[in-house]
Amino acid sequence: MRLLATVVGLALLPAATAFAQFGNPAGMAPDTMKESPGKPMPHQTNYQDRLFAQLTAAGGLAEVRFGELAGKSENAAVKDFARRMVDDHQRANDRLKSLAEAAKMPLPPGLDAEHEEMRTRLEKLTGVEFDLAYISGQIVEHQKTVQLLEWEIGSGQDPDVQHFASDILPAVLEHLRMARDIRSKLVNPALADASGQSKK
């Protein structure tokens, strides 16, 4: 809940996508190194960059862990989606880690309490109950990630981090669309049957 509250708070900040720009000195720490007055040196981050990196890393790590867990699903669409989550988010996690190291931003070493709780719950579920819980959770997680990425694009300072957010936003929106489509077919199997028939 704490993470969700933070993300909702971010979404309400005034410097959202309407003011999108690369390089936002607002929120810079007093000890920020500058090339000249008002111009930070490369890889200097503001508070928004650092919070974005921490929340995105925590979410990305959870996507990989949950995707690996979803290997136990017996639903082909869920398993395909889960494999894509592992591959895509691991690549994004590796790129974010490199950016964080360059900018000296600390990232969480493992799952936070909220995601640990979700993993514990998923581990206890099987069959359709697992599939619905996993995919429903994916919808919520990707909705939060979209908000985070848009916030960073509009409010960050480090252009490399902002480009990272801009680059992965289309993939995250695609993941969200895929998860919603799978959930619709899980709650209404007739949709899945119709989709299967149309592919024959």
Protein backbone atom coordinates (compact mmCIF):
# COMPACT_ATOMS: atom_id res chain seq x y z
CA MET A 1 0.00 0.00 0.00
CA ARG A 2 2.89 2.34 0.72
CA LEU A 3 4.22 1.92 -2.81
CA LEU A 4 0.78 2.47 -4.29
CA ALA A 5 0.33 5.62 -2.22
CA THR A 6 3.69 6.90 -3.41
CA VAL A 7 2.83 6.29 -7.03
CA VAL A 8 -0.56 7.92 -6.69
CA GLY A 9 1.18 10.88 -5.08
CA LEU A 10 3.58 11.10 -8.00
CA ALA A 11 0.73 11.12 -10.46
CA LEU A 12 -0.75 14.13 -8.68
CA LEU A 13 2.41 16.23 -8.86
CA PRO A 14 2.06 19.22 -11.17
CA ALA A 15 5.22 18.53 -13.20
CA ALA A 16 3.68 15.64 -15.11
CA THR A 17 3.68 14.95 -18.82
CA ALA A 18 2.11 18.26 -19.69
CA PHE A 19 5.50 19.81 -18.89
CA ALA A 20 7.63 17.04 -20.40
CA GLN A 21 11.22 18.11 -20.93
CA PHE A 22 14.66 16.56 -20.83
CA GLY A 23 16.70 18.01 -18.00
CA ASN A 24 14.68 19.39 -15.13
CA PRO A 25 16.84 21.09 -12.47
CA ALA A 26 13.90 21.27 -10.05
CA GLY A 27 14.53 18.88 -7.19
CA MET A 28 18.32 18.93 -7.48
CA ALA A 29 20.27 18.31 -4.29
CA PRO A 30 22.36 21.24 -2.95
CA ASP A 31 25.61 19.31 -3.55
CA THR A 32 24.88 18.74 -7.25
CA MET A 33 28.03 19.20 -9.37
CA LYS A 34 27.60 21.79 -12.10
CA GLU A 35 29.46 22.59 -15.31
CA SER A 36 28.32 26.18 -14.98
CA PRO A 37 25.74 28.04 -12.88
CA GLY A 38 22.39 26.35 -13.44
CA LYS A 39 23.85 23.58 -15.68
CA PRO A 40 24.40 20.22 -13.92
CA MET A 41 27.25 17.95 -15.02
CA PRO A 42 26.35 14.67 -16.84
CA HIS A 43 24.71 11.93 -14.72
CA GLN A 44 23.61 14.40 -12.06
CA THR A 45 20.18 13.37 -10.87
CA ASN A 46 17.37 15.07 -9.04
CA TYR A 47 15.14 13.60 -6.35
CA GLN A 48 12.62 12.52 -8.99
CA ASP A 49 15.25 10.49 -10.89
CA ARG A 50 16.28 8.67 -7.74
CA LEU A 51 12.75 7.87 -6.58
CA PHE A 52 11.85 6.75 -10.10
CA ALA A 53 14.88 4.45 -10.28
CA GLN A 54 14.11 2.86 -6.92
CA LEU A 55 10.41 2.27 -7.62
CA THR A 56 11.01 1.08 -11.19
CA ALA A 57 13.77 -1.30 -10.10
CA ALA A 58 11.54 -2.75 -7.38
CA GLY A 59 8.70 -3.24 -9.86
CA GLY A 60 10.97 -4.65 -12.57
CA LEU A 61 12.48 -7.18 -10.22
CA ALA A 62 9.00 -8.27 -9.15
CA GLU A 63 7.95 -8.68 -12.79
CA VAL A 64 10.80 -11.14 -13.34
CA ARG A 65 10.14 -13.08 -10.13
CA PHE A 66 6.38 -13.31 -10.76
CA GLY A 67 6.98 -14.26 -14.40
CA GLU A 68 9.25 -17.10 -13.33
CA LEU A 69 6.59 -18.22 -10.85
CA ALA A 70 3.97 -18.18 -13.62
CA GLY A 71 5.86 -20.99 -15.33
CA LYS A 72 3.62 -23.28 -13.29
CA SER A 73 0.49 -22.07 -15.10
CA GLU A 74 -1.27 -24.56 -17.35
CA ASN A 75 -2.68 -21.78 -19.53
CA ALA A 76 -0.62 -21.27 -22.71
CA ALA A 77 -1.47 -17.56 -23.01
CA VAL A 78 -0.47 -16.92 -19.39
CA LYS A 79 2.78 -18.83 -19.81
CA ASP A 80 3.66 -16.98 -23.04
CA PHE A 81 2.91 -13.66 -21.37
CA ALA A 82 5.00 -14.60 -18.34
CA ARG A 83 7.99 -15.55 -20.51
CA ARG A 84 7.76 -12.20 -22.26
CA MET A 85 7.65 -10.41 -18.90
CA VAL A 86 10.80 -12.19 -17.76
CA ASP A 87 12.69 -11.39 -20.98
CA ASP A 88 11.55 -7.78 -21.40
CA HIS A 89 11.85 -6.75 -17.76
CA GLN A 90 15.21 -8.43 -17.28
CA ARG A 91 16.58 -6.40 -20.21
CA ALA A 92 15.05 -3.22 -18.77
CA ASN A 93 16.37 -4.05 -15.29
CA ASP A 94 19.90 -4.52 -16.65
CA ARG A 95 19.77 -1.20 -18.50
CA LEU A 96 18.41 0.64 -15.46
CA LYS A 97 21.13 -0.90 -13.30
CA SER A 98 23.82 0.45 -15.65
CA LEU A 99 22.26 3.91 -15.58
CA ALA A 100 21.99 3.81 -11.80
CA GLU A 101 25.63 2.81 -11.44
CA ALA A 102 26.72 5.67 -13.73
CA ALA A 103 24.67 8.16 -11.72
CA LYS A 104 25.51 6.55 -8.35
CA MET A 105 21.85 5.92 -7.53
CA PRO A 106 21.24 3.08 -5.06
CA LEU A 107 18.71 0.44 -6.13
CA PRO A 108 16.82 -2.04 -3.93
CA PRO A 109 18.63 -5.42 -3.70
CA GLY A 110 15.45 -7.50 -3.60
CA LEU A 111 11.68 -7.49 -3.45
CA ASP A 112 10.05 -4.91 -1.20
CA ALA A 113 7.48 -5.92 1.44
CA GLU A 114 4.51 -5.30 -0.85
CA HIS A 115 5.87 -7.54 -3.62
CA GLU A 116 7.04 -10.20 -1.17
CA GLU A 117 3.49 -10.40 0.13
CA MET A 118 2.16 -10.74 -3.41
CA ARG A 119 4.67 -13.48 -4.22
CA THR A 120 3.71 -15.41 -1.10
CA ARG A 121 0.06 -15.21 -2.08
CA LEU A 122 0.74 -16.34 -5.66
CA GLU A 123 2.84 -19.27 -4.48
CA LYS A 124 -0.19 -20.67 -2.63
CA LEU A 125 -2.52 -20.50 -5.64
CA THR A 126 -2.93 -22.99 -8.49
CA GLY A 127 -4.93 -23.36 -11.69
CA VAL A 128 -7.37 -20.67 -12.75
CA GLU A 129 -7.13 -18.97 -9.36
CA PHE A 130 -3.42 -18.44 -9.91
CA ASP A 131 -3.88 -17.28 -13.49
CA LEU A 132 -6.49 -14.68 -12.51
CA ALA A 133 -4.49 -13.41 -9.55
CA TYR A 134 -1.27 -13.19 -11.57
CA ILE A 135 -2.79 -11.46 -14.59
CA SER A 136 -4.92 -9.10 -12.47
CA GLY A 137 -1.80 -8.16 -10.53
CA GLN A 138 0.03 -7.56 -13.80
CA ILE A 139 -2.64 -5.08 -14.89
CA VAL A 140 -2.24 -3.10 -11.67
CA GLU A 141 1.57 -3.26 -11.79
CA HIS A 142 1.75 -2.07 -15.39
CA GLN A 143 -0.75 0.73 -14.74
CA LYS A 144 1.52 1.96 -11.94
CA THR A 145 4.60 1.61 -14.15
CA VAL A 146 3.02 3.68 -16.92
CA GLN A 147 2.38 6.46 -14.38
CA LEU A 148 5.96 6.24 -13.14
CA LEU A 149 7.45 6.39 -16.63
CA GLU A 150 5.34 9.37 -17.65
CA TRP A 151 6.26 11.15 -14.43
CA GLU A 152 9.98 10.59 -14.98
CA ILE A 153 9.77 11.76 -18.60
CA GLY A 154 8.22 15.01 -17.41
CA SER A 155 10.07 15.56 -14.13
CA GLY A 156 13.50 13.91 -14.26
CA GLN A 157 16.85 15.65 -14.60
CA ASP A 158 19.22 12.98 -15.98
CA PRO A 159 18.56 12.78 -19.76
CA ASP A 160 19.79 9.17 -19.89
CA VAL A 161 17.25 8.11 -17.28
CA GLN A 162 14.51 10.08 -19.01
CA HIS A 163 15.38 8.45 -22.37
CA PHE A 164 15.22 5.06 -20.67
CA ALA A 165 11.69 5.86 -19.45
CA SER A 166 10.68 7.11 -22.88
CA ASP A 167 12.13 4.06 -24.64
CA ILE A 168 10.38 1.43 -22.54
CA LEU A 169 7.00 3.16 -22.22
CA PRO A 170 5.63 1.66 -25.50
CA ALA A 171 6.56 -1.87 -24.38
CA VAL A 172 4.93 -1.39 -20.99
CA LEU A 173 1.75 -0.13 -22.66
CA GLU A 174 1.84 -3.24 -24.87
CA HIS A 175 2.23 -5.45 -21.79
CA LEU A 176 -0.77 -3.74 -20.22
CA ARG A 177 -2.88 -4.33 -23.33
CA MET A 178 -1.82 -8.00 -23.41
CA ALA A 179 -2.65 -8.53 -19.73
CA ARG A 180 -6.09 -6.96 -20.12
CA ASP A 181 -6.78 -9.17 -23.15
CA ILE A 182 -5.74 -12.34 -21.31
CA ARG A 183 -7.82 -11.42 -18.27
CA SER A 184 -10.88 -10.86 -20.45
CA LYS A 185 -10.48 -14.38 -21.85
CA LEU A 186 -9.92 -15.89 -18.42
CA VAL A 187 -13.13 -14.44 -17.02
CA ASN A 188 -15.03 -15.18 -20.23
CA PRO A 189 -13.74 -18.43 -21.78
CA ALA A 190 -16.08 -17.93 -24.74
CA LEU A 191 -13.77 -15.11 -25.90
CA ALA A 192 -10.78 -17.46 -25.85
CA ASP A 193 -12.75 -20.09 -27.81
CA ALA A 194 -13.77 -17.50 -30.41
CA SER A 195 -10.17 -16.28 -30.71
CA GLY A 196 -8.95 -19.83 -31.19
CA GLN A 197 -11.54 -20.51 -33.87
CA SER A 198 -10.61 -17.35 -35.81
CA LYS A 199 -6.98 -18.49 -36.01
CA LYS A 200 -7.87 -21.83 -37.63
